[in-house]
Every structure is written in C-alpha cells, then in structure tokens.
Protein backbone atom coordinates (compact mmCIF):
# COMPACT_ATOMS: atom_id res chain seq x y z
CA MET A 1 0.00 0.00 0.00
CA GLU A 2 3.04 2.24 -0.20
CA ASN A 3 2.03 5.79 -1.24
CA LYS A 4 -1.56 4.79 -2.10
CA SER A 5 -3.97 7.67 -1.47
CA ILE A 6 -7.04 6.54 0.47
CA ARG A 7 -10.03 8.54 1.67
CA ILE A 8 -12.13 6.99 4.43
CA VAL A 9 -15.67 8.31 4.79
CA GLY A 10 -16.60 7.69 8.41
CA ALA A 11 -14.28 8.02 11.40
CA GLY A 12 -15.80 5.40 13.67
CA LEU A 13 -14.16 2.38 15.23
CA ILE A 14 -13.85 0.29 12.06
CA GLY A 15 -13.00 3.10 9.64
CA THR A 16 -10.34 4.56 11.93
CA SER A 17 -8.86 1.13 12.68
CA ILE A 18 -8.54 0.52 8.93
CA GLY A 19 -6.91 3.91 8.52
CA LEU A 20 -4.36 3.16 11.24
CA ALA A 21 -3.48 -0.19 9.65
CA LEU A 22 -3.15 1.31 6.16
CA LYS A 23 -1.06 4.20 7.42
CA ALA A 24 1.29 1.70 9.06
CA ALA A 25 1.51 -0.08 5.68
CA GLY A 26 2.68 3.13 3.96
CA ALA A 27 -0.56 4.54 2.55
CA GLU A 28 -1.62 8.18 2.70
CA VAL A 29 -4.94 8.32 4.54
CA HIS A 30 -7.47 11.09 5.01
CA PHE A 31 -10.79 10.96 6.86
CA VAL A 32 -14.05 12.81 6.33
CA ASP A 33 -16.93 12.60 8.78
CA ILE A 34 -20.05 14.63 9.54
CA ASP A 35 -18.85 14.77 13.16
CA GLN A 36 -15.98 17.28 13.05
CA ARG A 37 -14.47 16.10 16.34
CA SER A 38 -14.33 12.49 15.15
CA GLU A 39 -12.87 13.60 11.83
CA LYS A 40 -10.17 15.67 13.50
CA LEU A 41 -9.24 12.91 15.94
CA ALA A 42 -8.97 10.28 13.20
CA ASN A 43 -6.92 12.59 10.97
CA ASP A 44 -4.62 13.44 13.88
CA LEU A 45 -4.10 9.74 14.59
CA VAL A 46 -2.92 9.06 11.01
CA LYS A 47 -1.15 12.43 10.60
CA ALA A 48 -3.33 13.03 7.55
CA GLU A 49 -2.67 15.42 4.71
CA ASN A 50 -5.62 16.32 2.49
CA PHE A 51 -5.41 15.30 -1.17
CA GLU A 52 -7.59 15.27 -4.25
CA ASN A 53 -8.46 12.33 -6.52
CA PRO A 54 -7.85 9.46 -4.07
CA GLU A 55 -7.07 6.09 -5.62
CA LEU A 56 -9.43 4.36 -3.19
CA ILE A 57 -12.43 5.53 -1.18
CA ILE A 58 -13.66 3.41 1.73
CA ILE A 59 -17.25 4.03 2.79
CA ALA A 60 -17.40 3.38 6.54
CA THR A 61 -20.70 5.02 7.38
CA PRO A 62 -23.79 3.65 9.13
CA PRO A 63 -26.28 1.98 6.73
CA SER A 64 -28.60 4.99 6.68
CA ALA A 65 -25.83 7.26 5.35
CA PHE A 66 -24.36 4.83 2.81
CA LEU A 67 -26.26 5.82 -0.35
CA GLU A 68 -25.75 9.55 0.06
CA ALA A 69 -22.06 9.09 0.84
CA ILE A 70 -21.24 6.77 -2.06
CA ARG A 71 -23.28 8.77 -4.54
CA ARG A 72 -21.41 11.93 -3.56
CA GLU A 73 -17.96 10.31 -3.61
CA ALA A 74 -18.58 8.47 -6.90
CA THR A 75 -19.65 11.70 -8.57
CA LEU A 76 -16.79 13.80 -7.22
CA ASN A 77 -14.18 11.09 -7.92
CA PRO A 78 -15.06 9.38 -11.23
CA GLN A 79 -11.72 7.53 -11.40
CA SER A 80 -11.58 6.26 -7.82
CA ILE A 81 -12.21 2.68 -6.73
CA LEU A 82 -14.77 2.35 -3.94
CA MET A 83 -15.39 -0.26 -1.26
CA ASP A 84 -17.55 -0.42 1.83
CA ILE A 85 -17.18 -2.22 5.15
CA GLY A 86 -20.81 -2.50 6.24
CA SER A 87 -22.36 -5.40 8.15
CA VAL A 88 -25.06 -5.96 5.49
CA LYS A 89 -24.27 -6.49 1.83
CA THR A 90 -27.45 -7.00 -0.25
CA LYS A 91 -29.04 -3.61 0.43
CA PRO A 92 -25.89 -1.55 -0.33
CA LEU A 93 -25.33 -3.53 -3.53
CA LEU A 94 -28.85 -2.69 -4.68
CA GLU A 95 -28.18 0.96 -3.91
CA VAL A 96 -24.90 0.94 -5.83
CA SER A 97 -26.65 -0.62 -8.83
CA THR A 98 -28.86 2.49 -9.07
CA ILE A 99 -25.78 4.65 -9.75
CA GLU A 100 -24.88 4.35 -13.43
CA GLY A 101 -21.41 3.01 -14.18
CA LEU A 102 -20.41 2.38 -10.57
CA LEU A 103 -20.59 -1.41 -10.22
CA TYR A 104 -17.33 -2.04 -12.09
CA ARG A 105 -15.32 0.08 -9.62
CA PHE A 106 -17.08 -0.99 -6.43
CA CYS A 107 -16.62 -4.02 -4.20
CA GLY A 108 -18.59 -4.75 -1.06
CA THR A 109 -16.62 -6.01 1.96
CA HIS A 110 -17.16 -6.76 5.64
CA PRO A 111 -14.30 -7.21 8.12
CA MET A 112 -15.38 -9.74 10.75
CA ALA A 113 -13.91 -7.85 13.67
CA GLY A 114 -15.09 -5.26 16.13
CA ARG A 115 -15.28 -4.18 19.74
CA GLU A 116 -18.12 -3.41 22.14
CA VAL A 117 -16.79 0.16 22.35
CA SER A 118 -17.13 2.64 19.52
CA GLY A 119 -15.57 5.72 18.00
CA ALA A 120 -12.15 6.74 16.70
CA VAL A 121 -10.82 6.87 20.26
CA SER A 122 -11.27 3.07 20.49
CA ALA A 123 -9.56 2.29 17.15
CA ARG A 124 -6.70 -0.22 16.93
CA ALA A 125 -4.40 -0.91 14.00
CA ASP A 126 -4.30 -4.63 14.89
CA LEU A 127 -8.09 -5.05 15.09
CA PHE A 128 -8.22 -7.18 11.91
CA LEU A 129 -5.12 -9.29 12.44
CA ASP A 130 -5.84 -12.89 11.36
CA ARG A 131 -9.58 -12.20 11.19
CA ALA A 132 -11.83 -13.11 8.25
CA TRP A 133 -12.67 -10.22 5.91
CA ILE A 134 -15.54 -11.03 3.56
CA ILE A 135 -15.62 -9.66 0.01
CA THR A 136 -18.70 -9.77 -2.22
CA PRO A 137 -17.64 -8.84 -5.76
CA THR A 138 -20.14 -9.16 -8.60
CA ASN A 139 -19.66 -10.18 -12.23
CA GLU A 140 -19.25 -6.48 -13.05
CA THR A 141 -16.49 -5.83 -10.50
CA SER A 142 -13.28 -5.09 -12.40
CA ASP A 143 -10.10 -7.05 -11.74
CA SER A 144 -8.29 -3.84 -10.72
CA THR A 145 -11.00 -3.08 -8.17
CA LYS A 146 -10.83 -6.53 -6.64
CA ASP A 147 -7.02 -6.48 -6.60
CA LEU A 148 -6.90 -3.18 -4.69
CA VAL A 149 -9.50 -4.38 -2.18
CA LEU A 150 -7.48 -7.55 -1.58
CA ALA A 151 -4.37 -5.41 -1.06
CA VAL A 152 -6.22 -3.43 1.63
CA ILE A 153 -7.24 -6.63 3.39
CA ALA A 154 -3.69 -7.97 3.27
CA ALA A 155 -2.30 -4.69 4.62
CA CYS A 156 -4.70 -4.95 7.56
CA GLY A 157 -3.47 -8.49 8.29
CA ALA A 158 -6.85 -10.13 7.61
CA GLN A 159 -7.83 -13.19 5.57
CA PRO A 160 -10.15 -12.62 2.56
CA VAL A 161 -13.22 -14.82 2.17
CA GLU A 162 -15.27 -14.44 -1.02
CA MET A 163 -19.02 -15.07 -1.26
CA SER A 164 -22.20 -13.56 -2.67
CA ALA A 165 -23.96 -10.70 -0.93
CA ALA A 166 -26.98 -12.92 -0.24
CA ASP A 167 -24.86 -15.69 1.30
CA HIS A 168 -23.09 -13.11 3.45
CA ASP A 169 -26.32 -11.72 4.85
CA GLN A 170 -27.67 -15.17 5.69
CA ARG A 171 -24.47 -16.19 7.45
CA VAL A 172 -23.92 -13.04 9.50
CA ALA A 173 -27.58 -13.09 10.56
CA LEU A 174 -26.79 -16.38 12.31
CA ILE A 175 -23.31 -15.77 13.69
CA SER A 176 -23.35 -12.00 14.36
CA HIS A 177 -26.75 -10.31 14.20
CA LEU A 178 -28.65 -12.96 16.18
CA PRO A 179 -26.06 -13.05 19.01
CA GLN A 180 -26.18 -9.24 19.21
CA THR A 181 -29.97 -9.34 19.47
CA ILE A 182 -29.93 -12.03 22.17
CA SER A 183 -27.27 -10.17 24.17
CA SER A 184 -29.23 -6.93 24.06
CA LEU A 185 -32.49 -8.66 25.02
CA LEU A 186 -30.83 -10.39 27.96
CA ALA A 187 -29.21 -7.17 29.16
CA SER A 188 -32.57 -5.40 29.05
CA GLN A 189 -34.01 -8.08 31.33
CA LEU A 190 -31.33 -7.31 33.93
CA GLN A 191 -32.49 -3.73 34.36
CA GLY A 192 -33.95 -3.27 37.81
CA SER A 193 -32.39 -6.46 39.15
CA SER A 194 -31.16 -6.34 42.72
CA ALA A 195 -27.47 -5.91 43.41
CA GLU A 196 -27.61 -9.07 45.50
CA ALA A 197 -28.88 -11.12 42.55
CA LEU A 198 -26.30 -9.72 40.13
CA ALA A 199 -23.51 -10.37 42.63
CA LEU A 200 -24.17 -14.09 42.20
CA ALA A 201 -23.54 -13.98 38.45
CA GLY A 202 -20.52 -15.77 37.02
CA GLY A 203 -18.55 -15.41 33.82
CA GLY A 204 -21.31 -16.83 31.65
CA LEU A 205 -23.61 -13.87 32.20
CA ARG A 206 -20.81 -11.34 31.74
CA ASP A 207 -19.72 -13.02 28.50
CA THR A 208 -23.27 -13.15 27.17
CA VAL A 209 -24.12 -9.48 27.79
CA ARG A 210 -20.70 -8.01 26.89
CA ILE A 211 -21.66 -6.99 23.36
CA ALA A 212 -24.90 -5.42 24.59
CA GLY A 213 -22.72 -2.37 25.22
CA SER A 214 -22.36 -1.80 21.47
CA ASP A 215 -23.78 1.34 19.82
CA PRO A 216 -27.58 0.82 19.90
CA LYS A 217 -28.34 3.30 17.10
CA LEU A 218 -25.89 1.65 14.71
CA TRP A 219 -27.13 -1.82 15.58
CA GLY A 220 -30.73 -0.76 15.10
CA GLU A 221 -29.84 0.22 11.53
CA ILE A 222 -27.90 -2.99 10.89
CA LEU A 223 -30.70 -5.24 12.13
CA ALA A 224 -33.30 -3.35 10.13
CA ALA A 225 -31.20 -3.63 6.96
CA ASN A 226 -30.91 -7.41 7.39
CA GLU A 227 -34.32 -8.12 8.88
CA ASP A 228 -35.34 -10.73 6.31
CA ALA A 229 -32.35 -12.98 7.01
CA LEU A 230 -32.50 -12.32 10.75
C-alpha cells in the first residue's frame, strides 16, 4: 500500500482502525466525517494530509448514510475505486446498482472484527489481524478493483473470504446479528435487578451481555437492513 492515497468516509471504530493499519503499511490516509471532532481525531491519529483524486475511497458510514455518501464520492471522484465495510451487503449492492457506471469500480466487503466500544478513540491498528474479511464482488467488479480491495485486506493483516452478498447476509444473521440481538435482550431483562442477585452472576452472564454495550443506534440500523435474514 506504499504511497496509495485513500479517503475513508466515516471516522468510527472500524473506519479509523482501517486507517491506522493502512497508514502503518505506507498509505496516505485522510478521513471525512459529519462529526468534526471524530474527523479531527482520526486525521490526527494518522497524521493526515488532504489530497484530491484518491485512488481508493472506503465508505465506513452507518447503513442509513451509505447511499448519500457513495453517490457523492462516486460523482466527485469518477476515477476512484470504492469499497464499503458494512455489516449488510445485499441492500448496499442494490443501492450501488442504481448509480450508473459504478458497479465495475465498487466491491462490497465486511471485516469480521469489532469491539463493544465505539468511536475513533477506540480504534486499533491490529483489530483485523488474522480475522476473516468477507468480500462480495459481482460479475461487473473489475479485476483492478478486486485487486486493490485484496491489497487493503492484506495490509490490515486479515484473511479474505469471497461469497455472494446474499450468502453473506444469511451467514452473518446467524453468527453475528442474532447473538447481538440475544445479548441486548438479555441485558434489558437485567435492568432493575437487585445488586444481591447480580452479585451471584458468574462469567457466563458477563460473556453473554458483553456486546450489549455496542452502539444501539448503529445496531438498530444494521438489524433493520438485514431483517429478512434475521
């Protein structure tokens, strides 16, 4: 990734962690985010310098902001390759297909890594080390697009796994979205419990409710976007 210019739209946990890993691999990274404090923190972490015409744009927004973000970036940067890192793949692919001429320079991806804490302040360059990173190219995805996406995954230390968008959504509904739902439901049942009762809890309860601390607004969007599979 030496000297590659990469814009990351979204300075949350995943986007900033990717930026840190790519910066360490020699890329030039710049963040944009609607939250100016998050944007500044992420750019400070990677010692960013602004540039025009990035070779790659990574869309790391919540699902509700994806279409607006990719439409804007695709229009402003007609030569750039684009990828996303969202937890649902079918809906974004349908949205990309509505933008003329974009499918050949877009590849959907989903790094299978995260933390129960959020924001750029929680980012880690090693977050993806040895983790699966799903890619969902289509028949229209160009070879150069796929090659650059695979280079990003390698630079982050992850292992690429290729599948269709539909297969992805079915599989993550089972192994990611359902566990998140169960954890949140269980945690909600603990509200109002006596301190004496909770003091009896062992590691099993703590392990089960750990991810209930994840961003509820973001997870509400993810679950809604994958509700059929879930």
